Every structure is written in C-alpha cells, then in structure tokens.
Amino acid sequence: MDSTPEQLEAIWNDLLSRQVKLVRKAFNVLDTSSQRTVLLHLQRMVSESGWQPEQRTSAKAALKALENQLIQDK
C-alpha cells in the first residue's frame, strides 16, 4: 500500500463502510501483499480487545463481504 495518508484513509473508510460493493472495490485495488495485510488487520480487529464495538462490527462486515468474494472467485 504505497499511498498518501488521504488515499489510505479513503481505502479504510471504504473497507469499514459495511457496504459490500465498497468493501470489495477497495480491497480489489490493493496488491496481494496489501490484501493479506488488510485481512490480518481485520481479523485482529474482530478478535483482539481494545477495539470499539462499532469498529469490530465494521471489521466483521468487511470480512464477511471479502469471504463471500473469495469463495466466489475460486
């Protein structure tokens, strides 16, 4: 993810938007390494303490949208 802070913020806003199309679009513009990094971070947001409930809910929604996409892509 070699982007400006504004671009990174926009990507994360889309990833955590709870809107399947936005989540997938943001994820698909990333390179494979960045996609792995995002997935790991989302999984940490869901499983680790210290995240706000709304953040956790958004991360769960993103993982669900991406899980469904990854299954469809296979």
PDB file of N, CA and C in Angstrom:
ATOM      1  N   MET A   1       0.841  -1.167   0.000  1.00  0.00           N
ATOM      2  CA  MET A   1       0.000   0.000   0.000  1.00  0.00           C
ATOM      3  C   MET A   1       0.888   1.232   0.000  1.00  0.00           C
ATOM      4  N   ASP A   2       1.297   1.640  -1.152  1.00  0.00           N
ATOM      5  CA  ASP A   2       2.164   2.804  -1.274  1.00  0.00           C
ATOM      6  C   ASP A   2       1.309   3.998  -1.651  1.00  0.00           C
ATOM      7  N   SER A   3       0.635   4.585  -0.660  1.00  0.00           N
ATOM      8  CA  SER A   3      -0.332   5.643  -0.918  1.00  0.00           C
ATOM      9  C   SER A   3      -0.135   6.795   0.038  1.00  0.00           C
ATOM     10  N   THR A   4      -0.776   7.904  -0.295  1.00  0.00           N
ATOM     11  CA  THR A   4      -0.751   9.058   0.596  1.00  0.00           C
ATOM     12  C   THR A   4      -1.671   8.780   1.789  1.00  0.00           C
ATOM     13  N   PRO A   5      -1.504   9.527   2.863  1.00  0.00           N
ATOM     14  CA  PRO A   5      -2.392   9.344   4.020  1.00  0.00           C
ATOM     15  C   PRO A   5      -3.875   9.509   3.643  1.00  0.00           C
ATOM     16  N   GLU A   6      -4.165  10.424   2.737  1.00  0.00           N
ATOM     17  CA  GLU A   6      -5.551  10.642   2.319  1.00  0.00           C
ATOM     18  C   GLU A   6      -6.092   9.424   1.575  1.00  0.00           C
ATOM     19  N   GLN A   7      -5.254   8.837   0.712  1.00  0.00           N
ATOM     20  CA  GLN A   7      -5.673   7.646  -0.028  1.00  0.00           C
ATOM     21  C   GLN A   7      -5.888   6.468   0.916  1.00  0.00           C
ATOM     22  N   LEU A   8      -4.993   6.321   1.874  1.00  0.00           N
ATOM     23  CA  LEU A   8      -5.132   5.235   2.849  1.00  0.00           C
ATOM     24  C   LEU A   8      -6.405   5.408   3.675  1.00  0.00           C
ATOM     25  N   GLU A   9      -6.676   6.638   4.069  1.00  0.00           N
ATOM     26  CA  GLU A   9      -7.892   6.899   4.842  1.00  0.00           C
ATOM     27  C   GLU A   9      -9.138   6.557   4.018  1.00  0.00           C
ATOM     28  N   ALA A  10      -9.124   6.922   2.736  1.00  0.00           N
ATOM     29  CA  ALA A  10     -10.270   6.621   1.861  1.00  0.00           C
ATOM     30  C   ALA A  10     -10.442   5.111   1.697  1.00  0.00           C
ATOM     31  N   ILE A  11      -9.346   4.390   1.539  1.00  0.00           N
ATOM     32  CA  ILE A  11      -9.411   2.927   1.397  1.00  0.00           C
ATOM     33  C   ILE A  11      -9.996   2.312   2.666  1.00  0.00           C
ATOM     34  N   TRP A  12      -9.488   2.727   3.831  1.00  0.00           N
ATOM     35  CA  TRP A  12     -10.005   2.164   5.091  1.00  0.00           C
ATOM     36  C   TRP A  12     -11.453   2.571   5.342  1.00  0.00           C
ATOM     37  N   ASN A  13     -11.828   3.786   4.943  1.00  0.00           N
ATOM     38  CA  ASN A  13     -13.229   4.189   5.074  1.00  0.00           C
ATOM     39  C   ASN A  13     -14.123   3.254   4.270  1.00  0.00           C
ATOM     40  N   ASP A  14     -13.692   2.918   3.059  1.00  0.00           N
ATOM     41  CA  ASP A  14     -14.469   2.001   2.222  1.00  0.00           C
ATOM     42  C   ASP A  14     -14.452   0.586   2.791  1.00  0.00           C
ATOM     43  N   LEU A  15     -13.297   0.144   3.240  1.00  0.00           N
ATOM     44  CA  LEU A  15     -13.197  -1.208   3.799  1.00  0.00           C
ATOM     45  C   LEU A  15     -14.086  -1.379   5.024  1.00  0.00           C
ATOM     46  N   LEU A  16     -14.237  -0.323   5.796  1.00  0.00           N
ATOM     47  CA  LEU A  16     -15.029  -0.398   7.028  1.00  0.00           C
ATOM     48  C   LEU A  16     -16.423   0.208   6.871  1.00  0.00           C
ATOM     49  N   SER A  17     -16.857   0.396   5.635  1.00  0.00           N
ATOM     50  CA  SER A  17     -18.131   1.075   5.358  1.00  0.00           C
ATOM     51  C   SER A  17     -19.363   0.211   5.616  1.00  0.00           C
ATOM     52  N   ARG A  18     -19.190  -1.115   5.685  1.00  0.00           N
ATOM     53  CA  ARG A  18     -20.294  -2.074   5.821  1.00  0.00           C
ATOM     54  C   ARG A  18     -21.124  -2.175   4.538  1.00  0.00           C
ATOM     55  N   GLN A  19     -20.589  -1.659   3.463  1.00  0.00           N
ATOM     56  CA  GLN A  19     -21.244  -1.732   2.153  1.00  0.00           C
ATOM     57  C   GLN A  19     -20.434  -2.686   1.276  1.00  0.00           C
ATOM     58  N   VAL A  20     -21.029  -3.806   0.957  1.00  0.00           N
ATOM     59  CA  VAL A  20     -20.309  -4.891   0.277  1.00  0.00           C
ATOM     60  C   VAL A  20     -19.571  -4.390  -0.960  1.00  0.00           C
ATOM     61  N   LYS A  21     -20.216  -3.622  -1.800  1.00  0.00           N
ATOM     62  CA  LYS A  21     -19.579  -3.159  -3.037  1.00  0.00           C
ATOM     63  C   LYS A  21     -18.366  -2.286  -2.759  1.00  0.00           C
ATOM     64  N   LEU A  22     -18.480  -1.384  -1.787  1.00  0.00           N
ATOM     65  CA  LEU A  22     -17.348  -0.518  -1.446  1.00  0.00           C
ATOM     66  C   LEU A  22     -16.199  -1.315  -0.841  1.00  0.00           C
ATOM     67  N   VAL A  23     -16.534  -2.258   0.017  1.00  0.00           N
ATOM     68  CA  VAL A  23     -15.503  -3.098   0.644  1.00  0.00           C
ATOM     69  C   VAL A  23     -14.729  -3.846  -0.433  1.00  0.00           C
ATOM     70  N   ARG A  24     -15.445  -4.491  -1.327  1.00  0.00           N
ATOM     71  CA  ARG A  24     -14.794  -5.284  -2.380  1.00  0.00           C
ATOM     72  C   ARG A  24     -13.985  -4.416  -3.335  1.00  0.00           C
ATOM     73  N   LYS A  25     -14.528  -3.266  -3.683  1.00  0.00           N
ATOM     74  CA  LYS A  25     -13.826  -2.357  -4.595  1.00  0.00           C
ATOM     75  C   LYS A  25     -12.501  -1.898  -3.975  1.00  0.00           C
ATOM     76  N   ALA A  26     -12.550  -1.487  -2.716  1.00  0.00           N
ATOM     77  CA  ALA A  26     -11.331  -1.030  -2.038  1.00  0.00           C
ATOM     78  C   ALA A  26     -10.314  -2.162  -1.928  1.00  0.00           C
ATOM     79  N   PHE A  27     -10.775  -3.346  -1.597  1.00  0.00           N
ATOM     80  CA  PHE A  27      -9.886  -4.497  -1.440  1.00  0.00           C
ATOM     81  C   PHE A  27      -9.247  -4.874  -2.772  1.00  0.00           C
ATOM     82  N   ASN A  28     -10.023  -4.827  -3.842  1.00  0.00           N
ATOM     83  CA  ASN A  28      -9.538  -5.276  -5.143  1.00  0.00           C
ATOM     84  C   ASN A  28      -8.503  -4.363  -5.776  1.00  0.00           C
ATOM     85  N   VAL A  29      -8.417  -3.116  -5.335  1.00  0.00           N
ATOM     86  CA  VAL A  29      -7.381  -2.228  -5.887  1.00  0.00           C
ATOM     87  C   VAL A  29      -6.027  -2.457  -5.235  1.00  0.00           C
ATOM     88  N   LEU A  30      -6.006  -3.218  -4.156  1.00  0.00           N
ATOM     89  CA  LEU A  30      -4.762  -3.478  -3.430  1.00  0.00           C
ATOM     90  C   LEU A  30      -3.972  -4.611  -4.070  1.00  0.00           C
ATOM     91  N   ASP A  31      -2.647  -4.551  -3.919  1.00  0.00           N
ATOM     92  CA  ASP A  31      -1.825  -5.663  -4.378  1.00  0.00           C
ATOM     93  C   ASP A  31      -1.978  -6.824  -3.393  1.00  0.00           C
ATOM     94  N   THR A  32      -1.492  -7.984  -3.772  1.00  0.00           N
ATOM     95  CA  THR A  32      -1.678  -9.194  -2.971  1.00  0.00           C
ATOM     96  C   THR A  32      -1.119  -9.051  -1.565  1.00  0.00           C
ATOM     97  N   SER A  33       0.030  -8.471  -1.439  1.00  0.00           N
ATOM     98  CA  SER A  33       0.645  -8.284  -0.119  1.00  0.00           C
ATOM     99  C   SER A  33      -0.220  -7.381   0.761  1.00  0.00           C
ATOM    100  N   SER A  34      -0.717  -6.307   0.196  1.00  0.00           N
ATOM    101  CA  SER A  34      -1.577  -5.386   0.953  1.00  0.00           C
ATOM    102  C   SER A  34      -2.896  -6.049   1.317  1.00  0.00           C
ATOM    103  N   GLN A  35      -3.425  -6.877   0.424  1.00  0.00           N
ATOM    104  CA  GLN A  35      -4.654  -7.611   0.738  1.00  0.00           C
ATOM    105  C   GLN A  35      -4.449  -8.510   1.951  1.00  0.00           C
ATOM    106  N   ARG A  36      -3.320  -9.211   1.991  1.00  0.00           N
ATOM    107  CA  ARG A  36      -3.020 -10.066   3.158  1.00  0.00           C
ATOM    108  C   ARG A  36      -2.935  -9.237   4.427  1.00  0.00           C
ATOM    109  N   THR A  37      -2.264  -8.096   4.334  1.00  0.00           N
ATOM    110  CA  THR A  37      -2.119  -7.209   5.488  1.00  0.00           C
ATOM    111  C   THR A  37      -3.484  -6.738   5.976  1.00  0.00           C
ATOM    112  N   VAL A  38      -4.349  -6.356   5.061  1.00  0.00           N
ATOM    113  CA  VAL A  38      -5.699  -5.889   5.415  1.00  0.00           C
ATOM    114  C   VAL A  38      -6.483  -7.008   6.082  1.00  0.00           C
ATOM    115  N   LEU A  39      -6.452  -8.209   5.507  1.00  0.00           N
ATOM    116  CA  LEU A  39      -7.184  -9.334   6.097  1.00  0.00           C
ATOM    117  C   LEU A  39      -6.705  -9.632   7.513  1.00  0.00           C
ATOM    118  N   LEU A  40      -5.401  -9.630   7.714  1.00  0.00           N
ATOM    119  CA  LEU A  40      -4.863  -9.876   9.056  1.00  0.00           C
ATOM    120  C   LEU A  40      -5.296  -8.786  10.030  1.00  0.00           C
ATOM    121  N   HIS A  41      -5.282  -7.543   9.571  1.00  0.00           N
ATOM    122  CA  HIS A  41      -5.686  -6.446  10.448  1.00  0.00           C
ATOM    123  C   HIS A  41      -7.176  -6.543  10.797  1.00  0.00           C
ATOM    124  N   LEU A  42      -7.995  -6.847   9.813  1.00  0.00           N
ATOM    125  CA  LEU A  42      -9.430  -7.006  10.080  1.00  0.00           C
ATOM    126  C   LEU A  42      -9.677  -8.141  11.070  1.00  0.00           C
ATOM    127  N   GLN A  43      -8.949  -9.229  10.923  1.00  0.00           N
ATOM    128  CA  GLN A  43      -9.095 -10.358  11.850  1.00  0.00           C
ATOM    129  C   GLN A  43      -8.676  -9.954  13.259  1.00  0.00           C
ATOM    130  N   ARG A  44      -7.628  -9.136  13.367  1.00  0.00           N
ATOM    131  CA  ARG A  44      -7.223  -8.651  14.701  1.00  0.00           C
ATOM    132  C   ARG A  44      -8.287  -7.740  15.288  1.00  0.00           C
ATOM    133  N   MET A  45      -8.878  -6.905  14.449  1.00  0.00           N
ATOM    134  CA  MET A  45      -9.926  -6.009  14.940  1.00  0.00           C
ATOM    135  C   MET A  45     -11.098  -6.796  15.519  1.00  0.00           C
ATOM    136  N   VAL A  46     -11.398  -7.922  14.918  1.00  0.00           N
ATOM    137  CA  VAL A  46     -12.516  -8.752  15.370  1.00  0.00           C
ATOM    138  C   VAL A  46     -12.154  -9.529  16.633  1.00  0.00           C
ATOM    139  N   SER A  47     -10.916  -9.986  16.730  1.00  0.00           N
ATOM    140  CA  SER A  47     -10.560 -10.931  17.793  1.00  0.00           C
ATOM    141  C   SER A  47      -9.844 -10.320  18.990  1.00  0.00           C
ATOM    142  N   GLU A  48      -9.172  -9.201  18.827  1.00  0.00           N
ATOM    143  CA  GLU A  48      -8.397  -8.625  19.923  1.00  0.00           C
ATOM    144  C   GLU A  48      -9.210  -7.593  20.703  1.00  0.00           C
ATOM    145  N   SER A  49      -8.881  -7.452  21.960  1.00  0.00           N
ATOM    146  CA  SER A  49      -9.540  -6.427  22.778  1.00  0.00           C
ATOM    147  C   SER A  49      -8.984  -5.053  22.407  1.00  0.00           C
ATOM    148  N   GLY A  50      -9.684  -4.017  22.823  1.00  0.00           N
ATOM    149  CA  GLY A  50      -9.216  -2.659  22.607  1.00  0.00           C
ATOM    150  C   GLY A  50      -9.899  -1.940  21.452  1.00  0.00           C
ATOM    151  N   TRP A  51     -10.687  -2.667  20.680  1.00  0.00           N
ATOM    152  CA  TRP A  51     -11.396  -2.045  19.570  1.00  0.00           C
ATOM    153  C   TRP A  51     -12.800  -1.662  20.023  1.00  0.00           C
ATOM    154  N   GLN A  52     -13.301  -0.553  19.519  1.00  0.00           N
ATOM    155  CA  GLN A  52     -14.652  -0.116  19.832  1.00  0.00           C
ATOM    156  C   GLN A  52     -15.655  -1.074  19.189  1.00  0.00           C
ATOM    157  N   PRO A  53     -16.834  -1.247  19.795  1.00  0.00           N
ATOM    158  CA  PRO A  53     -17.848  -2.144  19.218  1.00  0.00           C
ATOM    159  C   PRO A  53     -18.182  -1.824  17.759  1.00  0.00           C
ATOM    160  N   GLU A  54     -18.271  -0.548  17.416  1.00  0.00           N
ATOM    161  CA  GLU A  54     -18.580  -0.169  16.031  1.00  0.00           C
ATOM    162  C   GLU A  54     -17.454  -0.571  15.083  1.00  0.00           C
ATOM    163  N   GLN A  55     -16.212  -0.444  15.533  1.00  0.00           N
ATOM    164  CA  GLN A  55     -15.074  -0.864  14.714  1.00  0.00           C
ATOM    165  C   GLN A  55     -15.108  -2.377  14.500  1.00  0.00           C
ATOM    166  N   ARG A  56     -15.398  -3.083  15.557  1.00  0.00           N
ATOM    167  CA  ARG A  56     -15.474  -4.549  15.490  1.00  0.00           C
ATOM    168  C   ARG A  56     -16.584  -4.984  14.521  1.00  0.00           C
ATOM    169  N   THR A  57     -17.738  -4.330  14.601  1.00  0.00           N
ATOM    170  CA  THR A  57     -18.856  -4.643  13.717  1.00  0.00           C
ATOM    171  C   THR A  57     -18.484  -4.371  12.257  1.00  0.00           C
ATOM    172  N   SER A  58     -17.812  -3.254  12.012  1.00  0.00           N
ATOM    173  CA  SER A  58     -17.387  -2.915  10.653  1.00  0.00           C
ATOM    174  C   SER A  58     -16.376  -3.916  10.123  1.00  0.00           C
ATOM    175  N   ALA A  59     -15.449  -4.330  10.959  1.00  0.00           N
ATOM    176  CA  ALA A  59     -14.447  -5.319  10.547  1.00  0.00           C
ATOM    177  C   ALA A  59     -15.108  -6.658  10.229  1.00  0.00           C
ATOM    178  N   LYS A  60     -16.075  -7.060  11.037  1.00  0.00           N
ATOM    179  CA  LYS A  60     -16.806  -8.311  10.771  1.00  0.00           C
ATOM    180  C   LYS A  60     -17.525  -8.242   9.442  1.00  0.00           C
ATOM    181  N   ALA A  61     -18.166  -7.107   9.169  1.00  0.00           N
ATOM    182  CA  ALA A  61     -18.884  -6.937   7.908  1.00  0.00           C
ATOM    183  C   ALA A  61     -17.918  -6.996   6.724  1.00  0.00           C
ATOM    184  N   ALA A  62     -16.761  -6.385   6.868  1.00  0.00           N
ATOM    185  CA  ALA A  62     -15.759  -6.418   5.796  1.00  0.00           C
ATOM    186  C   ALA A  62     -15.275  -7.837   5.551  1.00  0.00           C
ATOM    187  N   LEU A  63     -14.974  -8.554   6.619  1.00  0.00           N
ATOM    188  CA  LEU A  63     -14.513  -9.938   6.469  1.00  0.00           C
ATOM    189  C   LEU A  63     -15.578 -10.804   5.803  1.00  0.00           C
ATOM    190  N   LYS A  64     -16.825 -10.582   6.165  1.00  0.00           N
ATOM    191  CA  LYS A  64     -17.911 -11.363   5.553  1.00  0.00           C
ATOM    192  C   LYS A  64     -18.008 -11.056   4.063  1.00  0.00           C
ATOM    193  N   ALA A  65     -17.955  -9.782   3.694  1.00  0.00           N
ATOM    194  CA  ALA A  65     -18.021  -9.392   2.284  1.00  0.00           C
ATOM    195  C   ALA A  65     -16.850  -9.979   1.505  1.00  0.00           C
ATOM    196  N   LEU A  66     -15.676  -9.949   2.102  1.00  0.00           N
ATOM    197  CA  LEU A  66     -14.496 -10.465   1.413  1.00  0.00           C
ATOM    198  C   LEU A  66     -14.491 -11.984   1.378  1.00  0.00           C
ATOM    199  N   GLU A  67     -14.967 -12.617   2.436  1.00  0.00           N
ATOM    200  CA  GLU A  67     -15.054 -14.081   2.460  1.00  0.00           C
ATOM    201  C   GLU A  67     -15.954 -14.566   1.334  1.00  0.00           C
ATOM    202  N   ASN A  68     -17.107 -13.914   1.193  1.00  0.00           N
ATOM    203  CA  ASN A  68     -18.031 -14.300   0.131  1.00  0.00           C
ATOM    204  C   ASN A  68     -17.410 -14.086  -1.245  1.00  0.00           C
ATOM    205  N   GLN A  69     -16.659 -13.017  -1.406  1.00  0.00           N
ATOM    206  CA  GLN A  69     -15.991 -12.743  -2.689  1.00  0.00           C
ATOM    207  C   GLN A  69     -14.917 -13.783  -2.960  1.00  0.00           C
ATOM    208  N   LEU A  70     -14.117 -14.093  -1.967  1.00  0.00           N
ATOM    209  CA  LEU A  70     -13.040 -15.062  -2.143  1.00  0.00           C
ATOM    210  C   LEU A  70     -13.586 -16.429  -2.512  1.00  0.00           C
ATOM    211  N   ILE A  71     -14.718 -16.791  -1.935  1.00  0.00           N
ATOM    212  CA  ILE A  71     -15.356 -18.070  -2.261  1.00  0.00           C
ATOM    213  C   ILE A  71     -15.840 -18.043  -3.719  1.00  0.00           C
ATOM    214  N   GLN A  72     -16.453 -16.939  -4.119  1.00  0.00           N
ATOM    215  CA  GLN A  72     -16.963 -16.807  -5.482  1.00  0.00           C
ATOM    216  C   GLN A  72     -15.828 -16.809  -6.512  1.00  0.00           C
ATOM    217  N   ASP A  73     -14.680 -16.254  -6.149  1.00  0.00           N
ATOM    218  CA  ASP A  73     -13.549 -16.168  -7.066  1.00  0.00           C
ATOM    219  C   ASP A  73     -12.889 -17.517  -7.318  1.00  0.00           C
ATOM    220  N   LYS A  74     -13.115 -18.473  -6.423  1.00  0.00           N
ATOM    221  CA  LYS A  74     -12.454 -19.780  -6.580  1.00  0.00           C
ATOM    222  C   LYS A  74     -13.066 -20.608  -7.648  1.00  0.00           C
TER     223      LYS A  74
END
